[in-house]
Amino acid sequence: MKQKVSLVTIAMALAMSWVPAQAQTLDSLLRPVEHLLTRAPKQVNHFTRAKYQSDVGEGVSEQHAFEPGATWDCGFSPEGGASSRVIRAINEVRTRPGNDATILVAAYAFTSLPIARALIAAHDRGVKVAVVADATENRKPASKVRMLMESGVAVRFDNRLQMLHHKFLVLDGTAVETGSFNFTKAAASEQHAENACVFRNSPQMAATFTGAWQRLWRESDPAS
């Protein structure tokens, strides 16, 4: 504890050496040591939940520490790891007695046949799958959204925004997949540098993403 506190003190002192005096607010001093605070023991855990924005409104979450037991892993392209991480995360979702498993999808472009097949397989094993997608991109012939719809997956198109650029999954209310990786054949190719990260055992993070997804779902139209 003493070592970690001293590190924070040193970092704050260093921060003061390069932040102008008039800008040395609590917020400006905390930013350089933010990564130390998130690793600190529970006694100072309240710092990790501090609001670094003066006004936290709709569309902005607070900063939170990782939840106890949370894990994460990432895949990268062009090595092919991004697509495999997404598919593995989908395949992990299973129904259990007394539990209606869910996968919520927010997608910009969706041309990946392997990911579409993984979602259809999840639907076929009883997982409730729902997709909200960009209308313009997914009315194109290459989109696999029509394939999802024909397999019984619930799909809505966002016609309100100029672009729905999300690419994330909320997996059974406890995990989130997100990153730069679009669910597309091109993103999985050797010509794209992309990332896809999966955060498991993170129900609070999942709840935040679920709220954003539900907002889009309410404002979107049934795909046809």
Protein backbone atom coordinates (compact mmCIF):
# COMPACT_ATOMS: atom_id res chain seq x y z
CA MET A 1 0.00 0.00 0.00
CA LYS A 2 2.81 2.42 0.93
CA GLN A 3 4.56 1.73 -2.35
CA LYS A 4 1.44 2.38 -4.41
CA VAL A 5 0.60 5.56 -2.51
CA SER A 6 4.17 6.81 -3.01
CA LEU A 7 3.91 6.11 -6.72
CA VAL A 8 0.75 8.18 -6.84
CA THR A 9 2.45 10.99 -4.94
CA ILE A 10 5.46 10.98 -7.28
CA ALA A 11 3.27 10.91 -10.35
CA MET A 12 1.19 13.82 -9.05
CA ALA A 13 4.35 15.79 -8.38
CA LEU A 14 5.58 15.11 -11.89
CA ALA A 15 2.21 16.16 -13.25
CA MET A 16 2.49 19.50 -11.46
CA SER A 17 5.82 20.13 -13.16
CA TRP A 18 4.27 20.21 -16.62
CA VAL A 19 0.69 21.35 -16.01
CA PRO A 20 0.34 25.17 -15.92
CA ALA A 21 -0.50 26.47 -12.46
CA GLN A 22 -3.90 27.79 -13.49
CA ALA A 23 -4.82 24.36 -14.89
CA GLN A 24 -3.77 22.32 -11.85
CA THR A 25 -7.27 21.24 -10.86
CA LEU A 26 -8.02 17.91 -9.18
CA ASP A 27 -9.13 16.50 -12.52
CA SER A 28 -5.91 17.51 -14.30
CA LEU A 29 -3.81 15.98 -11.52
CA LEU A 30 -5.74 12.71 -11.48
CA ARG A 31 -5.47 12.01 -15.20
CA PRO A 32 -1.73 11.17 -15.26
CA VAL A 33 -2.13 8.66 -12.39
CA GLU A 34 -5.46 7.23 -13.44
CA HIS A 35 -3.91 3.87 -14.37
CA LEU A 36 -2.36 3.60 -10.90
CA LEU A 37 -5.63 4.33 -9.17
CA THR A 38 -7.46 1.61 -11.08
CA ARG A 39 -4.92 -0.92 -9.83
CA ALA A 40 -4.98 0.31 -6.24
CA PRO A 41 -6.45 -1.83 -3.45
CA LYS A 42 -10.06 -1.59 -2.32
CA GLN A 43 -9.26 1.03 0.32
CA VAL A 44 -8.91 3.68 -2.40
CA ASN A 45 -11.30 2.11 -4.88
CA HIS A 46 -13.67 5.09 -4.62
CA PHE A 47 -11.23 7.09 -6.75
CA THR A 48 -11.79 4.76 -9.69
CA ARG A 49 -15.47 5.65 -9.74
CA ALA A 50 -14.89 9.40 -9.76
CA LYS A 51 -16.50 11.43 -12.50
CA TYR A 52 -13.83 13.01 -14.64
CA GLN A 53 -16.44 14.90 -16.63
CA SER A 54 -18.19 17.80 -14.94
CA ASP A 55 -21.51 16.78 -16.46
CA VAL A 56 -22.32 13.11 -16.98
CA GLY A 57 -25.41 12.90 -19.13
CA GLU A 58 -27.04 10.37 -21.40
CA GLY A 59 -24.50 8.71 -23.66
CA VAL A 60 -21.61 9.01 -21.19
CA SER A 61 -20.76 6.51 -18.47
CA GLU A 62 -18.81 7.03 -15.31
CA GLN A 63 -15.35 5.55 -14.99
CA HIS A 64 -15.42 2.18 -13.23
CA ALA A 65 -12.84 -0.27 -12.01
CA PHE A 66 -12.91 -3.74 -13.51
CA GLU A 67 -15.30 -5.94 -11.57
CA PRO A 68 -13.93 -8.74 -9.36
CA GLY A 69 -13.34 -11.83 -11.48
CA ALA A 70 -13.50 -9.92 -14.78
CA THR A 71 -11.27 -11.17 -17.58
CA TRP A 72 -10.49 -9.92 -21.06
CA ASP A 73 -8.76 -11.05 -24.21
CA CYS A 74 -8.20 -9.44 -27.61
CA GLY A 75 -7.68 -10.59 -31.16
CA PHE A 76 -6.03 -8.66 -33.95
CA SER A 77 -6.14 -8.63 -37.71
CA PRO A 78 -4.64 -9.03 -40.29
CA GLU A 79 -3.47 -12.09 -38.34
CA GLY A 80 -7.06 -13.35 -38.21
CA GLY A 81 -7.45 -13.15 -34.45
CA ALA A 82 -10.20 -10.52 -34.43
CA SER A 83 -12.75 -12.62 -36.30
CA SER A 84 -11.94 -15.74 -34.28
CA ARG A 85 -12.42 -13.87 -30.99
CA VAL A 86 -15.87 -12.68 -32.06
CA ILE A 87 -16.96 -16.15 -33.16
CA ARG A 88 -15.62 -17.80 -30.01
CA ALA A 89 -17.49 -15.31 -27.84
CA ILE A 90 -20.74 -16.07 -29.69
CA ASN A 91 -20.19 -19.82 -29.41
CA GLU A 92 -19.70 -19.56 -25.64
CA VAL A 93 -23.27 -18.33 -25.04
CA ARG A 94 -25.49 -21.26 -24.04
CA THR A 95 -28.94 -21.58 -22.60
CA ARG A 96 -29.21 -23.13 -19.16
CA PRO A 97 -32.20 -24.27 -17.11
CA GLY A 98 -33.99 -21.16 -15.89
CA ASN A 99 -31.86 -18.85 -18.01
CA ASP A 100 -32.83 -17.29 -21.34
CA ALA A 101 -29.44 -16.57 -22.88
CA THR A 102 -29.17 -13.48 -25.09
CA ILE A 103 -26.87 -11.95 -27.68
CA LEU A 104 -27.44 -8.30 -28.59
CA VAL A 105 -25.66 -7.12 -31.72
CA ALA A 106 -24.97 -3.57 -32.92
CA ALA A 107 -23.44 -3.53 -36.38
CA TYR A 108 -22.39 -1.07 -39.04
CA ALA A 109 -21.62 -3.31 -42.02
CA PHE A 110 -22.31 -7.05 -41.77
CA THR A 111 -20.92 -9.19 -44.58
CA SER A 112 -19.13 -11.89 -42.58
CA LEU A 113 -20.56 -15.31 -43.38
CA PRO A 114 -18.74 -17.07 -40.47
CA ILE A 115 -20.12 -14.59 -37.92
CA ALA A 116 -23.60 -14.80 -39.43
CA ARG A 117 -23.46 -18.59 -39.18
CA ALA A 118 -22.32 -18.39 -35.56
CA LEU A 119 -25.27 -16.14 -34.68
CA ILE A 120 -27.72 -18.42 -36.51
CA ALA A 121 -26.30 -21.44 -34.67
CA ALA A 122 -26.79 -19.57 -31.38
CA HIS A 123 -30.38 -18.79 -32.35
CA ASP A 124 -30.96 -22.45 -33.25
CA ARG A 125 -29.76 -23.63 -29.83
CA GLY A 126 -32.23 -21.35 -28.09
CA VAL A 127 -30.25 -18.16 -27.55
CA LYS A 128 -32.30 -15.00 -28.09
CA VAL A 129 -30.39 -13.06 -30.75
CA ALA A 130 -31.32 -9.52 -31.78
CA VAL A 131 -29.50 -7.22 -34.20
CA VAL A 132 -29.71 -3.47 -34.73
CA ALA A 133 -27.82 -2.42 -37.84
CA ASP A 134 -27.06 0.51 -40.08
CA ALA A 135 -29.83 0.75 -42.67
CA THR A 136 -27.79 1.96 -45.63
CA GLU A 137 -24.99 -0.59 -45.31
CA ASN A 138 -27.25 -3.54 -44.70
CA ARG A 139 -29.60 -2.97 -47.60
CA LYS A 140 -26.66 -3.72 -49.88
CA PRO A 141 -26.62 -7.15 -51.59
CA ALA A 142 -23.46 -8.29 -49.77
CA SER A 143 -25.02 -7.88 -46.32
CA LYS A 144 -25.70 -11.09 -44.38
CA VAL A 145 -28.47 -9.44 -42.35
CA ARG A 146 -31.10 -10.85 -44.71
CA MET A 147 -29.69 -14.31 -44.00
CA LEU A 148 -30.12 -13.68 -40.27
CA MET A 149 -33.71 -12.53 -40.76
CA GLU A 150 -34.59 -15.59 -42.84
CA SER A 151 -33.25 -17.76 -40.01
CA GLY A 152 -35.55 -16.11 -37.47
CA VAL A 153 -33.17 -13.59 -35.90
CA ALA A 154 -34.84 -10.31 -34.91
CA VAL A 155 -33.37 -7.40 -36.88
CA ARG A 156 -34.00 -3.67 -36.92
CA PHE A 157 -32.49 -0.98 -39.14
CA ASP A 158 -31.48 2.44 -37.90
CA ASN A 159 -32.97 4.92 -40.39
CA ARG A 160 -32.65 7.93 -38.08
CA LEU A 161 -28.90 8.50 -37.98
CA GLN A 162 -26.62 9.23 -40.90
CA MET A 163 -24.48 6.31 -39.76
CA LEU A 164 -24.76 3.64 -37.09
CA HIS A 165 -21.07 2.90 -36.70
CA HIS A 166 -21.16 0.63 -33.66
CA LYS A 167 -19.68 -2.84 -33.74
CA PHE A 168 -20.31 -4.61 -30.45
CA LEU A 169 -21.97 -7.62 -28.88
CA VAL A 170 -23.55 -7.92 -25.44
CA LEU A 171 -23.32 -11.58 -24.51
CA ASP A 172 -25.84 -12.95 -22.01
CA GLY A 173 -25.75 -9.76 -19.93
CA THR A 174 -22.30 -10.55 -18.54
CA ALA A 175 -19.80 -10.01 -21.37
CA VAL A 176 -19.07 -7.44 -24.06
CA GLU A 177 -17.20 -7.73 -27.35
CA THR A 178 -16.13 -4.43 -28.88
CA GLY A 179 -13.36 -2.89 -30.95
CA SER A 180 -12.59 -1.53 -34.39
CA PHE A 181 -13.46 -4.83 -36.09
CA ASN A 182 -16.53 -4.63 -38.32
CA PHE A 183 -18.42 -7.88 -38.84
CA THR A 184 -17.29 -7.99 -42.45
CA LYS A 185 -15.31 -10.14 -44.84
CA ALA A 186 -13.06 -7.16 -45.58
CA ALA A 187 -12.23 -6.53 -41.92
CA ALA A 188 -11.12 -10.15 -41.57
CA SER A 189 -8.90 -9.94 -44.64
CA GLU A 190 -5.14 -9.54 -44.81
CA GLN A 191 -5.62 -5.93 -45.89
CA HIS A 192 -7.12 -4.63 -42.62
CA ALA A 193 -5.55 -3.90 -39.24
CA GLU A 194 -8.34 -4.35 -36.68
CA ASN A 195 -8.94 -5.30 -33.07
CA ALA A 196 -11.70 -7.11 -31.20
CA CYS A 197 -11.69 -7.43 -27.41
CA VAL A 198 -13.97 -9.54 -25.21
CA PHE A 199 -14.61 -8.51 -21.59
CA ARG A 200 -16.09 -11.41 -19.61
CA ASN A 201 -17.64 -11.55 -16.13
CA SER A 202 -18.40 -7.85 -16.47
CA PRO A 203 -22.16 -7.39 -15.86
CA GLN A 204 -21.80 -3.68 -15.10
CA MET A 205 -20.05 -3.03 -18.40
CA ALA A 206 -22.62 -5.24 -20.13
CA ALA A 207 -25.43 -3.21 -18.56
CA THR A 208 -23.91 0.02 -19.91
CA PHE A 209 -23.68 -1.38 -23.44
CA THR A 210 -27.17 -2.88 -23.12
CA GLY A 211 -28.54 0.57 -22.33
CA ALA A 212 -26.93 2.00 -25.47
CA TRP A 213 -28.21 -0.93 -27.53
CA GLN A 214 -31.76 -0.63 -26.19
CA ARG A 215 -31.82 3.06 -27.06
CA LEU A 216 -30.88 2.24 -30.66
CA TRP A 217 -33.40 -0.61 -30.80
CA ARG A 218 -36.25 1.63 -29.65
CA GLU A 219 -35.37 4.26 -32.26
CA SER A 220 -34.96 1.78 -35.14
CA ASP A 221 -37.46 0.20 -37.52
CA PRO A 222 -38.15 -3.49 -38.13
CA ALA A 223 -36.06 -4.58 -41.10
CA SER A 224 -37.94 -5.52 -44.22
